[in-house]
Amino acid sequence: MSVELTILTGLIALLALLALLRPATLFAYPVAGSLLMWVFLLPQAWRIESSGDLNDFEPTLTWNYMILCMIMTAVGFWAGGIRAAVAGRNDLASLRERYDFDKLLKGAVALVVIGGIAQFLLQREVATMQAGDLFTGAVAFYVMMTALLIYGASLGWLLYLYTGDKKALALALIGLAVTAPTILLAARRELSFTVVSIIFLGLWFVKKKAISRVLLIPLVFAGAILVNQAGAIRGYIVKEDSTLIGALSADDLNDTSRNKNNYDEMASGVSDIAITSWSDRYSFLAPYYNTIIQLYVPAFIVGHDLKDSLKADEDESADTYSKYFANGATRTGFADSFQAFHYFGCIIFFAISYFMGVLWKRANSGDILSQLYYIILLAAGLKVFTESTSIFFGVLPLMVGSTYAVFRYARRPRKAEAKLLPGAVQRRAS
């Protein structure tokens, strides 16, 4: 194993070890990301080095860049926590002074209802599709809107933990129950992790109850299997008419989702970074802008031609990149950030982690909006490592827009005195 990969392994192991030493840090962004790297991307990196199949693509270039990105992730989270403005811990009484909890619950209900309607429309649209058909613009739009189910369920769970309101608990259970068929029958790893993080992050933020080590180890083990064998598990579920639980307990999983060369995420990342370095062509902000257009401009309403005309051209050869791009594999956020900004792409990791650090600090102080944002964004933040950095920025408009409307509706009006300058308040009091 090269020196660079050894350093990368040690850095990731050090961050991941924090989860075992202090379970309360399990969902801290750099720790959760390092655990994911340890069970998913690092084994692929070791296989690349041991086989030597990609030596022509100079994998040490990728290892060096990944080391820089992981350092920036850790430093960014730490810096965000330091810079976050927190004035003591908010208790239930102070939160009630700021928000009408009944209105927050109504807002959560609205999110679940809208997400549920999107889920119904999505299922109806998919039912009309034939095998091999590409997803339509309507399907992509409905998939995005179903995220409101998770937003509403997360808010309902937080409200229940704060108030003990059984209606809030019922709402959270309804919202999460809708995701159960997708988890059990489609083995969606992001959704599975989201449900787990909603439950345990809520318990930590509100009740300060950390996950126990007895439960932590089997959860990480099951998560490692799901992350690495997602394709095989889905194939087993379809072939054997089984469920996620049945697939996890099966002895004969065979992953047929990859191409014959068995290229995986890390191999795609290594080749992409090398090709970008050799060609010296960078996409800059184009992928991030195109992600917003892809998600928020519905082609089934405005038409494909108009949507395509709004997208920026990305300077890359599709044939060159796709040659080393496995079916069922993604390019990793390390590749797409490098393709955008060369080594300066590590600043993207710093910025995302800084933002997550601010949210983590405020969430731990009892700010319910930061708690909700952190719960929602953690899964998208982890996809920064395995899929792309642009995904994280893509979810922000929907999350901020929908939750802002709810919290704006529930925010209590400020007292007249609060709007006056301190001197004016004193003069009026005298």
Protein backbone atom coordinates (compact mmCIF):
# COMPACT_ATOMS: atom_id res chain seq x y z
CA MET A 1 0.00 0.00 0.00
CA SER A 2 1.38 3.40 -0.96
CA VAL A 3 2.36 6.02 1.60
CA GLU A 4 -0.45 8.29 0.41
CA LEU A 5 -3.14 5.64 0.84
CA THR A 6 -1.68 4.68 4.23
CA ILE A 7 -1.96 8.30 5.41
CA LEU A 8 -5.53 8.51 4.06
CA THR A 9 -6.45 5.28 5.83
CA GLY A 10 -4.99 6.50 9.11
CA LEU A 11 -6.79 9.84 8.90
CA ILE A 12 -10.16 8.24 8.20
CA ALA A 13 -9.60 5.61 10.91
CA LEU A 14 -8.80 8.32 13.45
CA LEU A 15 -12.02 10.20 12.72
CA ALA A 16 -14.14 7.04 12.59
CA LEU A 17 -12.70 5.84 15.91
CA LEU A 18 -14.34 8.80 17.64
CA ALA A 19 -17.72 7.12 17.17
CA LEU A 20 -16.61 4.14 19.27
CA LEU A 21 -14.81 6.21 21.88
CA ARG A 22 -17.65 8.70 22.19
CA PRO A 23 -20.94 7.47 20.65
CA ALA A 24 -22.46 10.95 20.97
CA THR A 25 -20.24 12.00 18.03
CA LEU A 26 -21.54 9.26 15.72
CA PHE A 27 -23.65 11.69 13.71
CA ALA A 28 -21.11 14.54 13.75
CA TYR A 29 -20.53 15.14 10.05
CA PRO A 30 -16.80 14.30 9.75
CA VAL A 31 -17.22 11.20 11.94
CA ALA A 32 -20.25 9.87 10.04
CA GLY A 33 -18.49 10.61 6.76
CA SER A 34 -15.35 8.79 7.88
CA LEU A 35 -17.35 5.74 8.93
CA LEU A 36 -18.95 5.67 5.49
CA MET A 37 -15.54 6.02 3.85
CA TRP A 38 -14.12 3.24 6.03
CA VAL A 39 -16.74 0.66 5.09
CA PHE A 40 -17.35 1.73 1.49
CA LEU A 41 -14.72 3.75 -0.39
CA LEU A 42 -11.53 2.70 1.41
CA PRO A 43 -11.93 -1.04 0.63
CA GLN A 44 -12.32 -0.06 -3.03
CA ALA A 45 -9.18 2.05 -2.82
CA TRP A 46 -7.24 -0.85 -1.28
CA ARG A 47 -8.47 -3.15 -4.06
CA ILE A 48 -7.33 -0.67 -6.71
CA GLU A 49 -3.83 -0.55 -5.26
CA SER A 50 -3.53 -4.28 -4.72
CA SER A 51 -4.72 -5.17 -8.24
CA GLY A 52 -2.73 -2.46 -10.01
CA ASP A 53 -5.42 -2.26 -12.72
CA LEU A 54 -5.53 1.53 -12.61
CA ASN A 55 -1.85 2.31 -12.16
CA ASP A 56 -1.89 4.13 -15.50
CA PHE A 57 -4.28 6.64 -13.92
CA GLU A 58 -1.88 7.59 -11.14
CA PRO A 59 -4.18 6.78 -8.15
CA THR A 60 -1.80 8.58 -5.78
CA LEU A 61 -3.12 11.85 -7.28
CA THR A 62 -6.57 10.88 -6.02
CA TRP A 63 -5.28 9.75 -2.61
CA ASN A 64 -3.49 13.10 -2.12
CA TYR A 65 -6.62 15.03 -3.05
CA MET A 66 -8.78 12.90 -0.74
CA ILE A 67 -6.36 13.51 2.15
CA LEU A 68 -6.69 17.25 1.57
CA CYS A 69 -10.50 17.03 1.37
CA MET A 70 -10.78 15.00 4.59
CA ILE A 71 -8.55 17.48 6.44
CA MET A 72 -10.70 20.34 5.16
CA THR A 73 -13.83 18.46 6.25
CA ALA A 74 -12.55 18.07 9.81
CA VAL A 75 -11.21 21.64 10.02
CA GLY A 76 -14.37 23.11 8.50
CA PHE A 77 -16.63 21.36 11.00
CA TRP A 78 -14.46 22.51 13.90
CA ALA A 79 -14.34 26.08 12.59
CA GLY A 80 -18.09 26.16 12.06
CA GLY A 81 -18.68 25.04 15.63
CA ILE A 82 -16.40 27.78 16.95
CA ARG A 83 -17.97 30.52 14.85
CA ALA A 84 -21.59 29.55 15.57
CA ALA A 85 -23.31 32.20 17.68
CA VAL A 86 -24.93 30.42 20.63
CA ALA A 87 -26.25 32.14 23.75
CA GLY A 88 -26.88 29.33 26.22
CA ARG A 89 -29.20 26.37 25.69
CA ASN A 90 -32.76 26.92 24.54
CA ASP A 91 -35.27 25.06 26.71
CA LEU A 92 -38.89 24.29 25.89
CA ALA A 93 -40.12 27.51 27.50
CA SER A 94 -37.83 29.72 25.40
CA LEU A 95 -38.78 27.85 22.24
CA ARG A 96 -42.47 28.35 23.02
CA GLU A 97 -41.80 32.07 23.34
CA ARG A 98 -40.50 32.10 19.78
CA TYR A 99 -42.81 29.59 18.10
CA ASP A 100 -46.42 28.48 18.36
CA PHE A 101 -45.98 24.71 18.60
CA ASP A 102 -49.54 24.06 17.44
CA LYS A 103 -48.79 25.96 14.24
CA LEU A 104 -45.51 24.07 13.85
CA LEU A 105 -47.46 20.83 14.04
CA LYS A 106 -49.93 22.09 11.43
CA GLY A 107 -46.98 23.01 9.21
CA ALA A 108 -45.52 19.53 9.67
CA VAL A 109 -48.88 18.03 8.70
CA ALA A 110 -48.90 20.16 5.53
CA LEU A 111 -45.42 18.93 4.60
CA VAL A 112 -46.41 15.28 5.10
CA VAL A 113 -49.62 15.73 3.10
CA ILE A 114 -47.83 17.40 0.17
CA GLY A 115 -45.10 14.75 0.28
CA GLY A 116 -47.73 12.01 0.45
CA ILE A 117 -49.56 13.38 -2.59
CA ALA A 118 -46.23 13.46 -4.47
CA GLN A 119 -45.62 9.84 -3.39
CA PHE A 120 -49.04 8.81 -4.73
CA LEU A 121 -48.49 10.59 -8.04
CA LEU A 122 -45.02 9.06 -8.30
CA GLN A 123 -46.34 5.53 -7.82
CA ARG A 124 -49.09 6.14 -10.37
CA GLU A 125 -46.58 7.49 -12.90
CA VAL A 126 -44.15 4.61 -12.39
CA ALA A 127 -46.98 2.06 -12.73
CA THR A 128 -47.60 3.26 -16.30
CA MET A 129 -43.96 2.85 -17.33
CA GLN A 130 -42.70 -0.15 -19.23
CA ALA A 131 -39.55 -2.09 -18.34
CA GLY A 132 -36.50 -0.26 -19.65
CA ASP A 133 -38.24 3.10 -19.96
CA LEU A 134 -36.26 6.14 -18.82
CA PHE A 135 -37.61 8.21 -15.95
CA THR A 136 -39.71 11.13 -17.14
CA GLY A 137 -39.44 14.71 -15.89
CA ALA A 138 -42.62 14.18 -13.89
CA VAL A 139 -41.06 11.23 -12.06
CA ALA A 140 -37.96 13.26 -11.17
CA PHE A 141 -40.14 16.12 -9.91
CA TYR A 142 -42.32 13.83 -7.79
CA VAL A 143 -39.26 12.11 -6.35
CA MET A 144 -37.92 15.47 -5.21
CA MET A 145 -41.25 16.51 -3.67
CA THR A 146 -41.55 13.25 -1.71
CA ALA A 147 -38.69 14.60 0.41
CA LEU A 148 -41.32 16.74 2.13
CA LEU A 149 -42.53 13.53 3.79
CA ILE A 150 -39.17 13.25 5.54
CA TYR A 151 -39.17 16.96 6.42
CA GLY A 152 -42.62 16.75 8.02
CA ALA A 153 -41.87 13.47 9.81
CA SER A 154 -38.62 14.90 11.19
CA LEU A 155 -40.36 17.99 12.51
CA GLY A 156 -43.13 15.86 14.00
CA TRP A 157 -40.55 13.69 15.78
CA LEU A 158 -38.80 16.72 17.25
CA LEU A 159 -42.12 18.19 18.42
CA TYR A 160 -43.02 14.91 20.10
CA LEU A 161 -39.67 14.74 21.90
CA TYR A 162 -40.10 18.30 23.14
CA THR A 163 -43.77 18.17 24.13
CA GLY A 164 -44.81 14.52 24.34
CA ASP A 165 -47.72 15.33 22.01
CA LYS A 166 -49.12 12.03 20.71
CA LYS A 167 -50.42 13.74 17.56
CA ALA A 168 -46.86 14.75 16.68
CA LEU A 169 -45.68 11.17 17.26
CA ALA A 170 -48.48 9.80 15.06
CA LEU A 171 -47.49 12.24 12.31
CA ALA A 172 -43.84 11.18 12.52
CA LEU A 173 -44.79 7.50 12.37
CA ILE A 174 -47.10 8.07 9.39
CA GLY A 175 -44.43 10.00 7.51
CA LEU A 176 -41.76 7.39 8.17
CA ALA A 177 -44.14 4.46 7.53
CA VAL A 178 -44.57 5.63 3.94
CA THR A 179 -40.84 5.08 3.44
CA ALA A 180 -40.95 1.50 4.77
CA PRO A 181 -41.84 -0.21 1.44
CA THR A 182 -39.02 1.64 -0.31
CA ILE A 183 -36.53 0.58 2.36
CA LEU A 184 -37.70 -3.04 2.62
CA LEU A 185 -38.35 -3.70 -1.07
CA ALA A 186 -35.87 -1.38 -2.82
CA ALA A 187 -33.00 -1.37 -0.26
CA ARG A 188 -32.40 2.38 -0.58
CA ARG A 189 -29.38 2.98 1.60
CA GLU A 190 -29.75 6.78 1.81
CA LEU A 191 -33.37 6.48 2.95
CA SER A 192 -32.48 3.76 5.46
CA PHE A 193 -29.78 5.94 6.99
CA THR A 194 -32.11 8.96 7.02
CA VAL A 195 -34.72 7.12 9.09
CA VAL A 196 -32.10 5.92 11.57
CA SER A 197 -30.55 9.40 11.86
CA ILE A 198 -33.96 11.03 12.39
CA ILE A 199 -34.63 8.79 15.39
CA PHE A 200 -31.24 8.93 17.07
CA LEU A 201 -30.36 12.53 16.24
CA GLY A 202 -33.70 13.65 17.64
CA LEU A 203 -33.04 11.73 20.84
CA TRP A 204 -29.59 13.29 21.14
CA PHE A 205 -30.54 16.88 20.32
CA VAL A 206 -33.61 16.99 22.57
CA LYS A 207 -33.07 14.37 25.28
CA LYS A 208 -29.25 14.13 25.14
CA LYS A 209 -29.52 10.35 24.86
CA ALA A 210 -26.64 8.98 22.80
CA ILE A 211 -26.74 5.65 21.01
CA SER A 212 -25.22 2.86 23.12
CA ARG A 213 -22.12 0.96 22.01
CA VAL A 214 -24.10 -2.28 22.21
CA LEU A 215 -26.41 -0.98 19.48
CA LEU A 216 -23.78 1.00 17.60
CA ILE A 217 -21.68 -1.97 16.45
CA PRO A 218 -24.50 -4.04 14.89
CA LEU A 219 -25.94 -0.91 13.26
CA VAL A 220 -22.59 -0.07 11.65
CA PHE A 221 -22.19 -3.71 10.57
CA ALA A 222 -25.65 -3.84 8.98
CA GLY A 223 -25.04 -0.46 7.37
CA ALA A 224 -21.75 -1.67 5.89
CA ILE A 225 -23.51 -4.63 4.28
CA LEU A 226 -26.30 -2.46 2.90
CA VAL A 227 -23.90 0.16 1.53
CA ASN A 228 -21.62 -2.32 -0.21
CA GLN A 229 -24.21 -4.83 -1.38
CA ALA A 230 -27.12 -2.54 -2.33
CA GLY A 231 -27.18 -3.74 -5.94
CA ALA A 232 -26.99 -7.39 -4.98
CA ILE A 233 -29.65 -6.93 -2.30
CA ARG A 234 -32.06 -5.30 -4.76
CA GLY A 235 -31.45 -8.09 -7.26
CA TYR A 236 -32.08 -10.72 -4.59
CA ILE A 237 -35.31 -9.01 -3.48
CA VAL A 238 -36.66 -8.99 -7.04
CA LYS A 239 -35.49 -12.49 -7.96
CA GLU A 240 -36.57 -14.21 -4.75
CA ASP A 241 -39.61 -11.98 -4.08
CA SER A 242 -38.01 -11.22 -0.72
CA THR A 243 -37.42 -8.17 1.51
CA LEU A 244 -34.41 -6.29 2.83
CA ILE A 245 -34.33 -8.42 5.97
CA GLY A 246 -34.43 -11.61 3.94
CA ALA A 247 -31.67 -10.39 1.64
CA LEU A 248 -29.41 -9.38 4.54
CA SER A 249 -29.70 -12.89 6.00
CA ALA A 250 -29.14 -14.65 2.65
CA ASP A 251 -25.93 -16.54 1.95
CA ASP A 252 -25.82 -16.12 -1.82
CA LEU A 253 -25.89 -12.49 -2.87
CA ASN A 254 -24.59 -11.88 -6.39
CA ASP A 255 -24.20 -8.31 -7.50
CA THR A 256 -25.12 -8.02 -11.20
CA SER A 257 -25.44 -4.24 -11.21
CA ARG A 258 -21.82 -3.65 -12.27
CA ASN A 259 -20.34 -3.97 -15.72
CA LYS A 260 -18.08 -6.85 -16.67
CA ASN A 261 -14.92 -5.02 -15.59
CA ASN A 262 -16.34 -4.51 -12.10
CA TYR A 263 -15.37 -0.84 -12.02
CA ASP A 264 -16.72 0.78 -8.87
CA GLU A 265 -17.10 4.28 -7.37
CA MET A 266 -13.48 4.67 -6.44
CA ALA A 267 -12.25 3.46 -9.82
CA SER A 268 -14.52 5.97 -11.54
CA GLY A 269 -13.20 8.70 -9.24
CA VAL A 270 -9.56 7.80 -9.86
CA SER A 271 -9.98 7.79 -13.64
CA ASP A 272 -12.02 11.01 -13.68
CA ILE A 273 -9.48 12.91 -11.59
CA ALA A 274 -6.58 11.66 -13.69
CA ILE A 275 -8.28 12.52 -17.00
CA THR A 276 -9.21 15.97 -15.73
CA SER A 277 -5.64 16.60 -14.60
CA TRP A 278 -4.22 15.49 -17.94
CA SER A 279 -6.69 17.43 -20.06
CA ASP A 280 -6.49 20.54 -17.86
CA ARG A 281 -10.19 21.25 -18.56
CA TYR A 282 -12.40 22.23 -15.63
CA SER A 283 -16.15 22.71 -15.37
CA PHE A 284 -16.09 25.34 -12.59
CA LEU A 285 -19.65 26.14 -11.39
CA ALA A 286 -21.46 24.45 -14.30
CA PRO A 287 -22.33 21.18 -12.47
CA TYR A 288 -23.78 23.06 -9.50
CA TYR A 289 -25.88 25.33 -11.69
CA ASN A 290 -27.04 22.39 -13.80
CA THR A 291 -28.08 20.46 -10.70
CA ILE A 292 -30.40 23.31 -9.71
CA ILE A 293 -31.87 23.42 -13.22
CA GLN A 294 -32.25 19.64 -13.28
CA LEU A 295 -34.10 19.56 -9.96
CA TYR A 296 -36.23 22.68 -10.07
CA VAL A 297 -37.17 23.21 -13.73
CA PRO A 298 -39.84 20.58 -14.51
CA ALA A 299 -39.47 19.44 -18.10
CA PHE A 300 -43.00 18.03 -18.17
CA ILE A 301 -44.27 21.62 -17.71
CA VAL A 302 -41.78 23.82 -19.61
CA GLY A 303 -40.60 21.21 -22.10
CA HIS A 304 -37.25 19.45 -22.53
CA ASP A 305 -35.94 21.89 -25.11
CA LEU A 306 -36.33 24.90 -22.83
CA LYS A 307 -34.88 23.03 -19.86
CA ASP A 308 -31.87 21.86 -21.87
CA SER A 309 -31.30 25.39 -23.18
CA LEU A 310 -31.05 26.69 -19.62
CA LYS A 311 -28.23 24.30 -18.73
CA ALA A 312 -24.60 25.33 -18.94
CA ASP A 313 -22.23 23.36 -21.14
CA GLU A 314 -19.85 21.15 -19.20
CA ASP A 315 -16.49 20.79 -20.93
CA GLU A 316 -15.99 17.06 -20.80
CA SER A 317 -15.98 14.11 -23.18
CA ALA A 318 -18.80 11.78 -22.20
CA ASP A 319 -17.22 8.85 -24.02
CA THR A 320 -13.91 9.30 -22.25
CA TYR A 321 -15.39 9.42 -18.76
CA SER A 322 -18.11 6.79 -19.20
CA LYS A 323 -15.53 4.24 -20.35
CA TYR A 324 -14.46 3.91 -16.73
CA PHE A 325 -17.89 4.62 -15.24
CA ALA A 326 -19.55 1.48 -13.87
CA ASN A 327 -23.24 0.72 -14.14
CA GLY A 328 -24.62 1.21 -10.63
CA ALA A 329 -21.61 3.23 -9.50
CA THR A 330 -21.22 6.96 -8.93
CA ARG A 331 -18.25 9.25 -9.53
CA THR A 332 -17.80 10.43 -5.90
CA GLY A 333 -17.75 14.01 -4.69
CA PHE A 334 -13.97 13.97 -4.79
CA ALA A 335 -14.09 13.57 -8.57
CA ASP A 336 -16.74 16.18 -9.34
CA SER A 337 -15.16 18.81 -7.08
CA PHE A 338 -11.74 18.18 -8.65
CA GLN A 339 -13.28 18.40 -12.12
CA ALA A 340 -14.72 21.77 -11.16
CA PHE A 341 -11.80 23.47 -9.39
CA HIS A 342 -8.72 21.18 -9.42
CA TYR A 343 -7.14 21.09 -5.91
CA PHE A 344 -9.19 24.15 -4.93
CA GLY A 345 -12.19 21.83 -4.97
CA CYS A 346 -11.28 20.93 -1.39
CA ILE A 347 -12.76 24.32 -0.44
CA ILE A 348 -16.18 22.84 -1.31
CA PHE A 349 -15.63 20.22 1.40
CA PHE A 350 -14.58 22.92 3.84
CA ALA A 351 -17.66 25.05 3.05
CA ILE A 352 -20.12 22.18 3.43
CA SER A 353 -18.51 20.97 6.64
CA TYR A 354 -18.36 24.51 8.03
CA PHE A 355 -22.10 24.89 7.45
CA MET A 356 -22.75 21.51 9.07
CA GLY A 357 -20.55 22.52 12.02
CA VAL A 358 -22.61 25.67 12.56
CA LEU A 359 -25.83 23.65 12.47
CA TRP A 360 -24.38 21.01 14.83
CA LYS A 361 -23.40 23.62 17.40
CA ARG A 362 -26.75 25.41 17.24
CA ALA A 363 -28.70 22.16 17.21
CA ASN A 364 -26.93 21.01 20.36
CA SER A 365 -27.87 24.32 21.98
CA GLY A 366 -31.57 23.57 21.48
CA ASP A 367 -32.35 25.55 18.32
CA ILE A 368 -35.17 23.50 16.77
CA LEU A 369 -34.71 24.89 13.24
CA SER A 370 -31.01 23.96 13.24
CA GLN A 371 -31.92 20.53 14.59
CA LEU A 372 -34.34 20.01 11.71
CA TYR A 373 -31.83 21.26 9.13
CA TYR A 374 -29.05 19.03 10.42
CA ILE A 375 -31.28 15.95 10.44
CA ILE A 376 -32.43 16.65 6.88
CA LEU A 377 -28.99 17.50 5.49
CA LEU A 378 -26.87 14.75 7.04
CA ALA A 379 -27.80 12.11 4.46
CA ALA A 380 -27.25 14.58 1.60
CA GLY A 381 -23.96 15.57 3.23
CA LEU A 382 -22.76 11.96 3.21
CA LYS A 383 -23.56 11.70 -0.50
CA VAL A 384 -20.93 14.41 -0.93
CA PHE A 385 -18.34 11.67 -0.36
CA THR A 386 -19.90 8.88 -2.42
CA GLU A 387 -21.79 10.64 -5.23
CA SER A 388 -21.23 14.36 -5.83
CA THR A 389 -20.87 17.66 -4.01
CA SER A 390 -23.53 19.30 -6.18
CA ILE A 391 -26.24 17.13 -4.60
CA PHE A 392 -25.82 18.92 -1.28
CA PHE A 393 -26.43 22.33 -2.83
CA GLY A 394 -29.31 20.94 -4.86
CA VAL A 395 -31.44 20.08 -1.82
CA LEU A 396 -31.00 23.47 -0.14
CA PRO A 397 -33.68 25.48 -2.04
CA LEU A 398 -36.44 22.94 -1.34
CA MET A 399 -35.42 22.50 2.29
CA VAL A 400 -35.06 26.21 3.06
CA GLY A 401 -38.15 27.23 1.11
CA SER A 402 -40.51 24.68 2.62
CA THR A 403 -39.30 24.94 6.21
CA TYR A 404 -39.06 28.74 6.10
CA ALA A 405 -42.74 28.88 5.24
CA VAL A 406 -43.60 26.62 8.19
CA PHE A 407 -41.46 28.43 10.76
CA ARG A 408 -42.50 31.85 9.48
CA TYR A 409 -46.13 30.83 9.93
CA ALA A 410 -45.47 29.51 13.45
CA ARG A 411 -43.24 32.34 14.68
CA ARG A 412 -44.85 34.43 17.39
CA PRO A 413 -45.01 38.21 16.76
CA ARG A 414 -42.40 40.22 18.62
CA LYS A 415 -43.53 42.45 21.42
CA ALA A 416 -43.68 46.13 20.60
CA GLU A 417 -40.90 46.86 23.08
CA ALA A 418 -38.56 44.51 21.25
CA LYS A 419 -38.76 46.69 18.17
CA LEU A 420 -37.62 49.84 20.01
CA LEU A 421 -34.06 50.88 20.60
CA PRO A 422 -32.85 50.31 24.18
CA GLY A 423 -32.83 54.08 24.81
CA ALA A 424 -36.35 54.44 23.53
CA VAL A 425 -37.50 51.63 25.79
CA GLN A 426 -35.97 53.36 28.81
CA ARG A 427 -37.53 56.72 27.92
CA ARG A 428 -40.94 55.14 27.48
CA ALA A 429 -40.60 53.29 30.78
CA SER A 430 -39.76 56.56 32.59
